[in-house]
mmCIF file of all heavy atoms, coordinates in Angstrom:
data_MODEL
# 
_entry.id   MODEL 
# 
loop_
_atom_site.group_PDB 
_atom_site.id 
_atom_site.type_symbol 
_atom_site.label_atom_id 
_atom_site.label_alt_id 
_atom_site.label_comp_id 
_atom_site.label_asym_id 
_atom_site.label_entity_id 
_atom_site.label_seq_id 
_atom_site.pdbx_PDB_ins_code 
_atom_site.Cartn_x 
_atom_site.Cartn_y 
_atom_site.Cartn_z 
_atom_site.occupancy 
_atom_site.B_iso_or_equiv 
_atom_site.pdbx_formal_charge 
_atom_site.auth_seq_id 
_atom_site.auth_comp_id 
_atom_site.auth_asym_id 
_atom_site.auth_atom_id 
_atom_site.pdbx_PDB_model_num 
ATOM 1   N N   . GLU A 1 1  ? -16.798 -20.935 -4.840 1.00 0.00 ? 1  GLU A N   1 
ATOM 2   C CA  . GLU A 1 1  ? -15.767 -20.654 -5.847 1.00 0.00 ? 1  GLU A CA  1 
ATOM 3   C C   . GLU A 1 1  ? -14.395 -20.494 -5.209 1.00 0.00 ? 1  GLU A C   1 
ATOM 4   O O   . GLU A 1 1  ? -13.384 -20.792 -5.841 1.00 0.00 ? 1  GLU A O   1 
ATOM 5   C CB  . GLU A 1 1  ? -16.084 -19.362 -6.603 1.00 0.00 ? 1  GLU A CB  1 
ATOM 6   C CG  . GLU A 1 1  ? -17.250 -19.419 -7.530 1.00 0.00 ? 1  GLU A CG  1 
ATOM 7   C CD  . GLU A 1 1  ? -17.475 -18.073 -8.193 1.00 0.00 ? 1  GLU A CD  1 
ATOM 8   O OE1 . GLU A 1 1  ? -16.485 -17.378 -8.499 1.00 0.00 ? 1  GLU A OE1 1 
ATOM 9   O OE2 . GLU A 1 1  ? -18.645 -17.716 -8.396 1.00 0.00 ? 1  GLU A OE2 1 
ATOM 10  N N   . VAL A 1 2  ? -14.366 -19.959 -3.988 1.00 0.00 ? 2  VAL A N   1 
ATOM 11  C CA  . VAL A 1 2  ? -13.127 -19.686 -3.271 1.00 0.00 ? 2  VAL A CA  1 
ATOM 12  C C   . VAL A 1 2  ? -13.114 -20.513 -1.998 1.00 0.00 ? 2  VAL A C   1 
ATOM 13  O O   . VAL A 1 2  ? -14.091 -20.530 -1.253 1.00 0.00 ? 2  VAL A O   1 
ATOM 14  C CB  . VAL A 1 2  ? -13.019 -18.177 -2.934 1.00 0.00 ? 2  VAL A CB  1 
ATOM 15  C CG1 . VAL A 1 2  ? -11.859 -17.897 -2.010 1.00 0.00 ? 2  VAL A CG1 1 
ATOM 16  C CG2 . VAL A 1 2  ? -12.901 -17.359 -4.212 1.00 0.00 ? 2  VAL A CG2 1 
ATOM 17  N N   . VAL A 1 3  ? -11.999 -21.221 -1.750 1.00 0.00 ? 3  VAL A N   1 
ATOM 18  C CA  . VAL A 1 3  ? -11.864 -22.015 -0.536 1.00 0.00 ? 3  VAL A CA  1 
ATOM 19  C C   . VAL A 1 3  ? -11.597 -21.099 0.649  1.00 0.00 ? 3  VAL A C   1 
ATOM 20  O O   . VAL A 1 3  ? -12.243 -21.199 1.684  1.00 0.00 ? 3  VAL A O   1 
ATOM 21  C CB  . VAL A 1 3  ? -10.720 -23.049 -0.681 1.00 0.00 ? 3  VAL A CB  1 
ATOM 22  C CG1 . VAL A 1 3  ? -10.484 -23.787 0.626  1.00 0.00 ? 3  VAL A CG1 1 
ATOM 23  C CG2 . VAL A 1 3  ? -11.021 -24.018 -1.802 1.00 0.00 ? 3  VAL A CG2 1 
ATOM 24  N N   . CYS A 1 4  ? -10.624 -20.190 0.492  1.00 0.00 ? 4  CYS A N   1 
ATOM 25  C CA  . CYS A 1 4  ? -10.337 -19.227 1.544  1.00 0.00 ? 4  CYS A CA  1 
ATOM 26  C C   . CYS A 1 4  ? -9.605  -18.029 0.951  1.00 0.00 ? 4  CYS A C   1 
ATOM 27  O O   . CYS A 1 4  ? -9.070  -18.096 -0.153 1.00 0.00 ? 4  CYS A O   1 
ATOM 28  C CB  . CYS A 1 4  ? -9.510  -19.847 2.672  1.00 0.00 ? 4  CYS A CB  1 
ATOM 29  S SG  . CYS A 1 4  ? -7.841  -20.281 2.194  1.00 0.00 ? 4  CYS A SG  1 
ATOM 30  N N   . TRP A 1 5  ? -9.606  -16.928 1.703  1.00 0.00 ? 5  TRP A N   1 
ATOM 31  C CA  . TRP A 1 5  ? -8.861  -15.731 1.323  1.00 0.00 ? 5  TRP A CA  1 
ATOM 32  C C   . TRP A 1 5  ? -8.407  -15.029 2.584  1.00 0.00 ? 5  TRP A C   1 
ATOM 33  O O   . TRP A 1 5  ? -9.038  -15.146 3.637  1.00 0.00 ? 5  TRP A O   1 
ATOM 34  C CB  . TRP A 1 5  ? -9.682  -14.803 0.420  1.00 0.00 ? 5  TRP A CB  1 
ATOM 35  C CG  . TRP A 1 5  ? -10.860 -14.157 1.083  1.00 0.00 ? 5  TRP A CG  1 
ATOM 36  C CD1 . TRP A 1 5  ? -12.129 -14.650 1.168  1.00 0.00 ? 5  TRP A CD1 1 
ATOM 37  C CD2 . TRP A 1 5  ? -10.882 -12.889 1.754  1.00 0.00 ? 5  TRP A CD2 1 
ATOM 38  N NE1 . TRP A 1 5  ? -12.929 -13.778 1.848  1.00 0.00 ? 5  TRP A NE1 1 
ATOM 39  C CE2 . TRP A 1 5  ? -12.191 -12.685 2.212  1.00 0.00 ? 5  TRP A CE2 1 
ATOM 40  C CE3 . TRP A 1 5  ? -9.918  -11.918 1.996  1.00 0.00 ? 5  TRP A CE3 1 
ATOM 41  C CZ2 . TRP A 1 5  ? -12.562 -11.545 2.912  1.00 0.00 ? 5  TRP A CZ2 1 
ATOM 42  C CZ3 . TRP A 1 5  ? -10.282 -10.781 2.691  1.00 0.00 ? 5  TRP A CZ3 1 
ATOM 43  C CH2 . TRP A 1 5  ? -11.594 -10.608 3.138  1.00 0.00 ? 5  TRP A CH2 1 
ATOM 44  N N   . THR A 1 6  ? -7.284  -14.346 2.477  1.00 0.00 ? 6  THR A N   1 
ATOM 45  C CA  . THR A 1 6  ? -6.743  -13.600 3.606  1.00 0.00 ? 6  THR A CA  1 
ATOM 46  C C   . THR A 1 6  ? -6.198  -12.277 3.096  1.00 0.00 ? 6  THR A C   1 
ATOM 47  O O   . THR A 1 6  ? -6.037  -12.078 1.893  1.00 0.00 ? 6  THR A O   1 
ATOM 48  C CB  . THR A 1 6  ? -5.587  -14.352 4.304  1.00 0.00 ? 6  THR A CB  1 
ATOM 49  O OG1 . THR A 1 6  ? -4.536  -14.551 3.365  1.00 0.00 ? 6  THR A OG1 1 
ATOM 50  C CG2 . THR A 1 6  ? -6.049  -15.674 4.858  1.00 0.00 ? 6  THR A CG2 1 
ATOM 51  N N   . ARG A 1 7  ? -5.899  -11.401 4.030  1.00 0.00 ? 7  ARG A N   1 
ATOM 52  C CA  . ARG A 1 7  ? -5.183  -10.171 3.669  1.00 0.00 ? 7  ARG A CA  1 
ATOM 53  C C   . ARG A 1 7  ? -3.773  -10.579 3.265  1.00 0.00 ? 7  ARG A C   1 
ATOM 54  O O   . ARG A 1 7  ? -3.236  -11.569 3.740  1.00 0.00 ? 7  ARG A O   1 
ATOM 55  C CB  . ARG A 1 7  ? -5.122  -9.218  4.853  1.00 0.00 ? 7  ARG A CB  1 
ATOM 56  C CG  . ARG A 1 7  ? -6.474  -8.788  5.425  1.00 0.00 ? 7  ARG A CG  1 
ATOM 57  C CD  . ARG A 1 7  ? -7.278  -7.869  4.520  1.00 0.00 ? 7  ARG A CD  1 
ATOM 58  N NE  . ARG A 1 7  ? -6.704  -6.566  4.330  1.00 0.00 ? 7  ARG A NE  1 
ATOM 59  C CZ  . ARG A 1 7  ? -6.967  -5.496  5.066  1.00 0.00 ? 7  ARG A CZ  1 
ATOM 60  N NH1 . ARG A 1 7  ? -7.816  -5.564  6.056  1.00 0.00 ? 7  ARG A NH1 1 
ATOM 61  N NH2 . ARG A 1 7  ? -6.395  -4.342  4.793  1.00 0.00 ? 7  ARG A NH2 1 
ATOM 62  N N   . GLY A 1 8  ? -3.156  -9.813  2.389  1.00 0.00 ? 8  GLY A N   1 
ATOM 63  C CA  . GLY A 1 8  ? -1.824  -10.147 1.894  1.00 0.00 ? 8  GLY A CA  1 
ATOM 64  C C   . GLY A 1 8  ? -0.751  -10.039 2.958  1.00 0.00 ? 8  GLY A C   1 
ATOM 65  O O   . GLY A 1 8  ? -0.880  -9.304  3.932  1.00 0.00 ? 8  GLY A O   1 
ATOM 66  N N   . THR A 1 9  ? 0.316   -10.807 2.768  1.00 0.00 ? 9  THR A N   1 
ATOM 67  C CA  . THR A 1 9  ? 1.481   -10.727 3.638  1.00 0.00 ? 9  THR A CA  1 
ATOM 68  C C   . THR A 1 9  ? 2.641   -10.122 2.842  1.00 0.00 ? 9  THR A C   1 
ATOM 69  O O   . THR A 1 9  ? 2.744   -10.339 1.634  1.00 0.00 ? 9  THR A O   1 
ATOM 70  C CB  . THR A 1 9  ? 1.890   -12.119 4.165  1.00 0.00 ? 9  THR A CB  1 
ATOM 71  O OG1 . THR A 1 9  ? 2.102   -12.987 3.052  1.00 0.00 ? 9  THR A OG1 1 
ATOM 72  C CG2 . THR A 1 9  ? 0.813   -12.693 5.057  1.00 0.00 ? 9  THR A CG2 1 
ATOM 73  N N   . PRO A 1 10 ? 3.510   -9.357  3.497  1.00 0.00 ? 10 PRO A N   1 
ATOM 74  C CA  . PRO A 1 10 ? 4.582   -8.674  2.769  1.00 0.00 ? 10 PRO A CA  1 
ATOM 75  C C   . PRO A 1 10 ? 5.562   -9.638  2.110  1.00 0.00 ? 10 PRO A C   1 
ATOM 76  O O   . PRO A 1 10 ? 5.898   -10.681 2.660  1.00 0.00 ? 10 PRO A O   1 
ATOM 77  C CB  . PRO A 1 10 ? 5.294   -7.865  3.848  1.00 0.00 ? 10 PRO A CB  1 
ATOM 78  C CG  . PRO A 1 10 ? 4.373   -7.814  5.001  1.00 0.00 ? 10 PRO A CG  1 
ATOM 79  C CD  . PRO A 1 10 ? 3.501   -9.018  4.915  1.00 0.00 ? 10 PRO A CD  1 
ATOM 80  N N   . LEU A 1 11 ? 6.005   -9.270  0.921  1.00 0.00 ? 11 LEU A N   1 
ATOM 81  C CA  . LEU A 1 11 ? 7.036   -10.006 0.194  1.00 0.00 ? 11 LEU A CA  1 
ATOM 82  C C   . LEU A 1 11 ? 8.262   -9.103  0.094  1.00 0.00 ? 11 LEU A C   1 
ATOM 83  O O   . LEU A 1 11 ? 8.140   -7.924  -0.250 1.00 0.00 ? 11 LEU A O   1 
ATOM 84  C CB  . LEU A 1 11 ? 6.554   -10.346 -1.215 1.00 0.00 ? 11 LEU A CB  1 
ATOM 85  C CG  . LEU A 1 11 ? 5.334   -11.243 -1.327 1.00 0.00 ? 11 LEU A CG  1 
ATOM 86  C CD1 . LEU A 1 11 ? 4.820   -11.242 -2.751 1.00 0.00 ? 11 LEU A CD1 1 
ATOM 87  C CD2 . LEU A 1 11 ? 5.687   -12.647 -0.895 1.00 0.00 ? 11 LEU A CD2 1 
ATOM 88  N N   . VAL A 1 12 ? 9.430   -9.651  0.380  1.00 0.00 ? 12 VAL A N   1 
ATOM 89  C CA  . VAL A 1 12 ? 10.665  -8.879  0.276  1.00 0.00 ? 12 VAL A CA  1 
ATOM 90  C C   . VAL A 1 12 ? 11.106  -8.887  -1.181 1.00 0.00 ? 12 VAL A C   1 
ATOM 91  O O   . VAL A 1 12 ? 11.314  -9.935  -1.781 1.00 0.00 ? 12 VAL A O   1 
ATOM 92  C CB  . VAL A 1 12 ? 11.769  -9.461  1.184  1.00 0.00 ? 12 VAL A CB  1 
ATOM 93  C CG1 . VAL A 1 12 ? 13.077  -8.714  0.986  1.00 0.00 ? 12 VAL A CG1 1 
ATOM 94  C CG2 . VAL A 1 12 ? 11.340  -9.403  2.639  1.00 0.00 ? 12 VAL A CG2 1 
ATOM 95  N N   . LEU A 1 13 ? 11.227  -7.705  -1.759 1.00 0.00 ? 13 LEU A N   1 
ATOM 96  C CA  . LEU A 1 13 ? 11.675  -7.583  -3.143 1.00 0.00 ? 13 LEU A CA  1 
ATOM 97  C C   . LEU A 1 13 ? 13.183  -7.387  -3.215 1.00 0.00 ? 13 LEU A C   1 
ATOM 98  O O   . LEU A 1 13 ? 13.860  -7.976  -4.056 1.00 0.00 ? 13 LEU A O   1 
ATOM 99  C CB  . LEU A 1 13 ? 10.965  -6.417  -3.832 1.00 0.00 ? 13 LEU A CB  1 
ATOM 100 C CG  . LEU A 1 13 ? 9.450   -6.508  -3.926 1.00 0.00 ? 13 LEU A CG  1 
ATOM 101 C CD1 . LEU A 1 13 ? 8.898   -5.273  -4.607 1.00 0.00 ? 13 LEU A CD1 1 
ATOM 102 C CD2 . LEU A 1 13 ? 9.016   -7.762  -4.642 1.00 0.00 ? 13 LEU A CD2 1 
ATOM 103 N N   . VAL A 1 14 ? 13.714  -6.523  -2.352 1.00 0.00 ? 14 VAL A N   1 
ATOM 104 C CA  . VAL A 1 14 ? 15.151  -6.268  -2.290 1.00 0.00 ? 14 VAL A CA  1 
ATOM 105 C C   . VAL A 1 14 ? 15.561  -6.346  -0.828 1.00 0.00 ? 14 VAL A C   1 
ATOM 106 O O   . VAL A 1 14 ? 15.100  -5.548  -0.019 1.00 0.00 ? 14 VAL A O   1 
ATOM 107 C CB  . VAL A 1 14 ? 15.514  -4.886  -2.881 1.00 0.00 ? 14 VAL A CB  1 
ATOM 108 C CG1 . VAL A 1 14 ? 17.004  -4.629  -2.762 1.00 0.00 ? 14 VAL A CG1 1 
ATOM 109 C CG2 . VAL A 1 14 ? 15.048  -4.769  -4.315 1.00 0.00 ? 14 VAL A CG2 1 
ATOM 110 N N   . ASP A 1 15 ? 16.400  -7.319  -0.525 1.00 0.00 ? 15 ASP A N   1 
ATOM 111 C CA  . ASP A 1 15 ? 16.850  -7.484  0.853  1.00 0.00 ? 15 ASP A CA  1 
ATOM 112 C C   . ASP A 1 15 ? 18.017  -6.541  1.125  1.00 0.00 ? 15 ASP A C   1 
ATOM 113 O O   . ASP A 1 15 ? 18.750  -6.173  0.219  1.00 0.00 ? 15 ASP A O   1 
ATOM 114 C CB  . ASP A 1 15 ? 17.272  -8.927  1.104  1.00 0.00 ? 15 ASP A CB  1 
ATOM 115 C CG  . ASP A 1 15 ? 17.107  -9.322  2.558  1.00 0.00 ? 15 ASP A CG  1 
ATOM 116 O OD1 . ASP A 1 15 ? 16.676  -8.479  3.355  1.00 0.00 ? 15 ASP A OD1 1 
ATOM 117 O OD2 . ASP A 1 15 ? 17.401  -10.486 2.888  1.00 0.00 ? 15 ASP A OD2 1 
ATOM 118 N N   . ALA A 1 16 ? 18.146  -6.140  2.366  1.00 0.00 ? 16 ALA A N   1 
ATOM 119 C CA  . ALA A 1 16 ? 19.226  -5.231  2.763  1.00 0.00 ? 16 ALA A CA  1 
ATOM 120 C C   . ALA A 1 16 ? 19.663  -5.588  4.174  1.00 0.00 ? 16 ALA A C   1 
ATOM 121 O O   . ALA A 1 16 ? 18.901  -6.189  4.928  1.00 0.00 ? 16 ALA A O   1 
ATOM 122 C CB  . ALA A 1 16 ? 18.741  -3.789  2.699  1.00 0.00 ? 16 ALA A CB  1 
ATOM 123 N N   . PRO A 1 17 ? 20.902  -5.229  4.546  1.00 0.00 ? 17 PRO A N   1 
ATOM 124 C CA  . PRO A 1 17 ? 21.372  -5.549  5.891  1.00 0.00 ? 17 PRO A CA  1 
ATOM 125 C C   . PRO A 1 17 ? 20.516  -4.904  6.983  1.00 0.00 ? 17 PRO A C   1 
ATOM 126 O O   . PRO A 1 17 ? 20.289  -5.498  8.019  1.00 0.00 ? 17 PRO A O   1 
ATOM 127 C CB  . PRO A 1 17 ? 22.795  -4.997  5.937  1.00 0.00 ? 17 PRO A CB  1 
ATOM 128 C CG  . PRO A 1 17 ? 23.138  -4.550  4.575  1.00 0.00 ? 17 PRO A CG  1 
ATOM 129 C CD  . PRO A 1 17 ? 21.902  -4.552  3.748  1.00 0.00 ? 17 PRO A CD  1 
ATOM 130 N N   . ARG A 1 18 ? 20.025  -3.708  6.726  1.00 0.00 ? 18 ARG A N   1 
ATOM 131 C CA  . ARG A 1 18 ? 19.170  -3.036  7.702  1.00 0.00 ? 18 ARG A CA  1 
ATOM 132 C C   . ARG A 1 18 ? 17.716  -3.160  7.274  1.00 0.00 ? 18 ARG A C   1 
ATOM 133 O O   . ARG A 1 18 ? 17.383  -2.962  6.108  1.00 0.00 ? 18 ARG A O   1 
ATOM 134 C CB  . ARG A 1 18 ? 19.544  -1.557  7.805  1.00 0.00 ? 18 ARG A CB  1 
ATOM 135 C CG  . ARG A 1 18 ? 20.903  -1.374  8.385  1.00 0.00 ? 18 ARG A CG  1 
ATOM 136 C CD  . ARG A 1 18 ? 21.148  0.086   8.683  1.00 0.00 ? 18 ARG A CD  1 
ATOM 137 N NE  . ARG A 1 18 ? 22.579  0.306   8.680  1.00 0.00 ? 18 ARG A NE  1 
ATOM 138 C CZ  . ARG A 1 18 ? 23.181  1.293   8.079  1.00 0.00 ? 18 ARG A CZ  1 
ATOM 139 N NH1 . ARG A 1 18 ? 22.487  2.199   7.447  1.00 0.00 ? 18 ARG A NH1 1 
ATOM 140 N NH2 . ARG A 1 18 ? 24.482  1.404   8.109  1.00 0.00 ? 18 ARG A NH2 1 
ATOM 141 N N   . ARG A 1 19 ? 16.875  -3.460  8.215  1.00 0.00 ? 19 ARG A N   1 
ATOM 142 C CA  . ARG A 1 19 ? 15.471  -3.707  7.908  1.00 0.00 ? 19 ARG A CA  1 
ATOM 143 C C   . ARG A 1 19 ? 14.794  -2.518  7.238  1.00 0.00 ? 19 ARG A C   1 
ATOM 144 O O   . ARG A 1 19 ? 13.995  -2.667  6.328  1.00 0.00 ? 19 ARG A O   1 
ATOM 145 C CB  . ARG A 1 19 ? 14.728  -4.080  9.181  1.00 0.00 ? 19 ARG A CB  1 
ATOM 146 C CG  . ARG A 1 19 ? 13.370  -4.671  8.901  1.00 0.00 ? 19 ARG A CG  1 
ATOM 147 C CD  . ARG A 1 19 ? 12.839  -5.339  10.099 1.00 0.00 ? 19 ARG A CD  1 
ATOM 148 N NE  . ARG A 1 19 ? 11.708  -4.560  10.584 1.00 0.00 ? 19 ARG A NE  1 
ATOM 149 C CZ  . ARG A 1 19 ? 11.059  -4.835  11.670 1.00 0.00 ? 19 ARG A CZ  1 
ATOM 150 N NH1 . ARG A 1 19 ? 11.437  -5.822  12.428 1.00 0.00 ? 19 ARG A NH1 1 
ATOM 151 N NH2 . ARG A 1 19 ? 10.043  -4.099  12.035 1.00 0.00 ? 19 ARG A NH2 1 
ATOM 152 N N   . ARG A 1 20 ? 15.120  -1.320  7.657  1.00 0.00 ? 20 ARG A N   1 
ATOM 153 C CA  . ARG A 1 20 ? 14.453  -0.139  7.108  1.00 0.00 ? 20 ARG A CA  1 
ATOM 154 C C   . ARG A 1 20 ? 14.844  0.128   5.654  1.00 0.00 ? 20 ARG A C   1 
ATOM 155 O O   . ARG A 1 20 ? 14.217  0.934   4.981  1.00 0.00 ? 20 ARG A O   1 
ATOM 156 C CB  . ARG A 1 20 ? 14.724  1.085   7.967  1.00 0.00 ? 20 ARG A CB  1 
ATOM 157 C CG  . ARG A 1 20 ? 16.154  1.525   7.934  1.00 0.00 ? 20 ARG A CG  1 
ATOM 158 C CD  . ARG A 1 20 ? 16.350  2.780   8.735  1.00 0.00 ? 20 ARG A CD  1 
ATOM 159 N NE  . ARG A 1 20 ? 17.770  3.072   8.745  1.00 0.00 ? 20 ARG A NE  1 
ATOM 160 C CZ  . ARG A 1 20 ? 18.430  3.518   9.766  1.00 0.00 ? 20 ARG A CZ  1 
ATOM 161 N NH1 . ARG A 1 20 ? 17.804  3.751   10.888 1.00 0.00 ? 20 ARG A NH1 1 
ATOM 162 N NH2 . ARG A 1 20 ? 19.721  3.759   9.683  1.00 0.00 ? 20 ARG A NH2 1 
ATOM 163 N N   . GLU A 1 21 ? 15.906  -0.523  5.172  1.00 0.00 ? 21 GLU A N   1 
ATOM 164 C CA  . GLU A 1 21 ? 16.347  -0.326  3.798  1.00 0.00 ? 21 GLU A CA  1 
ATOM 165 C C   . GLU A 1 21 ? 15.768  -1.365  2.840  1.00 0.00 ? 21 GLU A C   1 
ATOM 166 O O   . GLU A 1 21 ? 15.988  -1.280  1.642  1.00 0.00 ? 21 GLU A O   1 
ATOM 167 C CB  . GLU A 1 21 ? 17.873  -0.345  3.733  1.00 0.00 ? 21 GLU A CB  1 
ATOM 168 C CG  . GLU A 1 21 ? 18.500  0.809   4.484  1.00 0.00 ? 21 GLU A CG  1 
ATOM 169 C CD  . GLU A 1 21 ? 20.007  0.717   4.562  1.00 0.00 ? 21 GLU A CD  1 
ATOM 170 O OE1 . GLU A 1 21 ? 20.565  -0.323  4.153  1.00 0.00 ? 21 GLU A OE1 1 
ATOM 171 O OE2 . GLU A 1 21 ? 20.630  1.671   5.036  1.00 0.00 ? 21 GLU A OE2 1 
ATOM 172 N N   . ARG A 1 22 ? 15.063  -2.352  3.359  1.00 0.00 ? 22 ARG A N   1 
ATOM 173 C CA  . ARG A 1 22 ? 14.455  -3.364  2.513  1.00 0.00 ? 22 ARG A CA  1 
ATOM 174 C C   . ARG A 1 22 ? 13.336  -2.764  1.677  1.00 0.00 ? 22 ARG A C   1 
ATOM 175 O O   . ARG A 1 22 ? 12.635  -1.857  2.098  1.00 0.00 ? 22 ARG A O   1 
ATOM 176 C CB  . ARG A 1 22 ? 13.847  -4.489  3.350  1.00 0.00 ? 22 ARG A CB  1 
ATOM 177 C CG  . ARG A 1 22 ? 14.836  -5.381  3.976  1.00 0.00 ? 22 ARG A CG  1 
ATOM 178 C CD  . ARG A 1 22 ? 14.145  -6.504  4.697  1.00 0.00 ? 22 ARG A CD  1 
ATOM 179 N NE  . ARG A 1 22 ? 15.135  -7.246  5.441  1.00 0.00 ? 22 ARG A NE  1 
ATOM 180 C CZ  . ARG A 1 22 ? 14.912  -7.849  6.579  1.00 0.00 ? 22 ARG A CZ  1 
ATOM 181 N NH1 . ARG A 1 22 ? 13.712  -7.822  7.114  1.00 0.00 ? 22 ARG A NH1 1 
ATOM 182 N NH2 . ARG A 1 22 ? 15.872  -8.487  7.193  1.00 0.00 ? 22 ARG A NH2 1 
ATOM 183 N N   . VAL A 1 23 ? 13.168  -3.319  0.490  1.00 0.00 ? 23 VAL A N   1 
ATOM 184 C CA  . VAL A 1 23 ? 12.051  -2.925  -0.361 1.00 0.00 ? 23 VAL A CA  1 
ATOM 185 C C   . VAL A 1 23 ? 11.058  -4.078  -0.319 1.00 0.00 ? 23 VAL A C   1 
ATOM 186 O O   . VAL A 1 23 ? 11.407  -5.227  -0.628 1.00 0.00 ? 23 VAL A O   1 
ATOM 187 C CB  . VAL A 1 23 ? 12.505  -2.662  -1.810 1.00 0.00 ? 23 VAL A CB  1 
ATOM 188 C CG1 . VAL A 1 23 ? 11.310  -2.319  -2.681 1.00 0.00 ? 23 VAL A CG1 1 
ATOM 189 C CG2 . VAL A 1 23 ? 13.539  -1.553  -1.847 1.00 0.00 ? 23 VAL A CG2 1 
ATOM 190 N N   . THR A 1 24 ? 9.834   -3.778  0.090  1.00 0.00 ? 24 THR A N   1 
ATOM 191 C CA  . THR A 1 24 ? 8.818   -4.819  0.197  1.00 0.00 ? 24 THR A CA  1 
ATOM 192 C C   . THR A 1 24 ? 7.600   -4.457  -0.638 1.00 0.00 ? 24 THR A C   1 
ATOM 193 O O   . THR A 1 24 ? 7.414   -3.312  -1.047 1.00 0.00 ? 24 THR A O   1 
ATOM 194 C CB  . THR A 1 24 ? 8.368   -5.025  1.660  1.00 0.00 ? 24 THR A CB  1 
ATOM 195 O OG1 . THR A 1 24 ? 7.823   -3.798  2.147  1.00 0.00 ? 24 THR A OG1 1 
ATOM 196 C CG2 . THR A 1 24 ? 9.521   -5.472  2.535  1.00 0.00 ? 24 THR A CG2 1 
ATOM 197 N N   . TYR A 1 25 ? 6.774   -5.465  -0.867 1.00 0.00 ? 25 TYR A N   1 
ATOM 198 C CA  . TYR A 1 25 ? 5.509   -5.280  -1.573 1.00 0.00 ? 25 TYR A CA  1 
ATOM 199 C C   . TYR A 1 25 ? 4.436   -5.975  -0.755 1.00 0.00 ? 25 TYR A C   1 
ATOM 200 O O   . TYR A 1 25 ? 4.610   -7.117  -0.324 1.00 0.00 ? 25 TYR A O   1 
ATOM 201 C CB  . TYR A 1 25 ? 5.584   -5.875  -2.984 1.00 0.00 ? 25 TYR A CB  1 
ATOM 202 C CG  . TYR A 1 25 ? 4.242   -6.026  -3.622 1.00 0.00 ? 25 TYR A CG  1 
ATOM 203 C CD1 . TYR A 1 25 ? 3.498   -4.907  -3.969 1.00 0.00 ? 25 TYR A CD1 1 
ATOM 204 C CD2 . TYR A 1 25 ? 3.698   -7.275  -3.859 1.00 0.00 ? 25 TYR A CD2 1 
ATOM 205 C CE1 . TYR A 1 25 ? 2.249   -5.040  -4.540 1.00 0.00 ? 25 TYR A CE1 1 
ATOM 206 C CE2 . TYR A 1 25 ? 2.451   -7.415  -4.432 1.00 0.00 ? 25 TYR A CE2 1 
ATOM 207 C CZ  . TYR A 1 25 ? 1.735   -6.300  -4.763 1.00 0.00 ? 25 TYR A CZ  1 
ATOM 208 O OH  . TYR A 1 25 ? 0.497   -6.439  -5.317 1.00 0.00 ? 25 TYR A OH  1 
ATOM 209 N N   . LEU A 1 26 ? 3.324   -5.297  -0.540 1.00 0.00 ? 26 LEU A N   1 
ATOM 210 C CA  . LEU A 1 26 ? 2.218   -5.856  0.229  1.00 0.00 ? 26 LEU A CA  1 
ATOM 211 C C   . LEU A 1 26 ? 0.998   -5.976  -0.672 1.00 0.00 ? 26 LEU A C   1 
ATOM 212 O O   . LEU A 1 26 ? 0.345   -4.970  -0.980 1.00 0.00 ? 26 LEU A O   1 
ATOM 213 C CB  . LEU A 1 26 ? 1.893   -4.961  1.431  1.00 0.00 ? 26 LEU A CB  1 
ATOM 214 C CG  . LEU A 1 26 ? 0.741   -5.416  2.317  1.00 0.00 ? 26 LEU A CG  1 
ATOM 215 C CD1 . LEU A 1 26 ? 1.063   -6.753  2.976  1.00 0.00 ? 26 LEU A CD1 1 
ATOM 216 C CD2 . LEU A 1 26 ? 0.456   -4.371  3.374  1.00 0.00 ? 26 LEU A CD2 1 
# 
């Protein structure tokens, strides 16, 4: 039924100049 599956990779929701200020979703 499934060809392949992996653990999710982070998606950037809100980008910011500093990495620690970014909002991500995993």
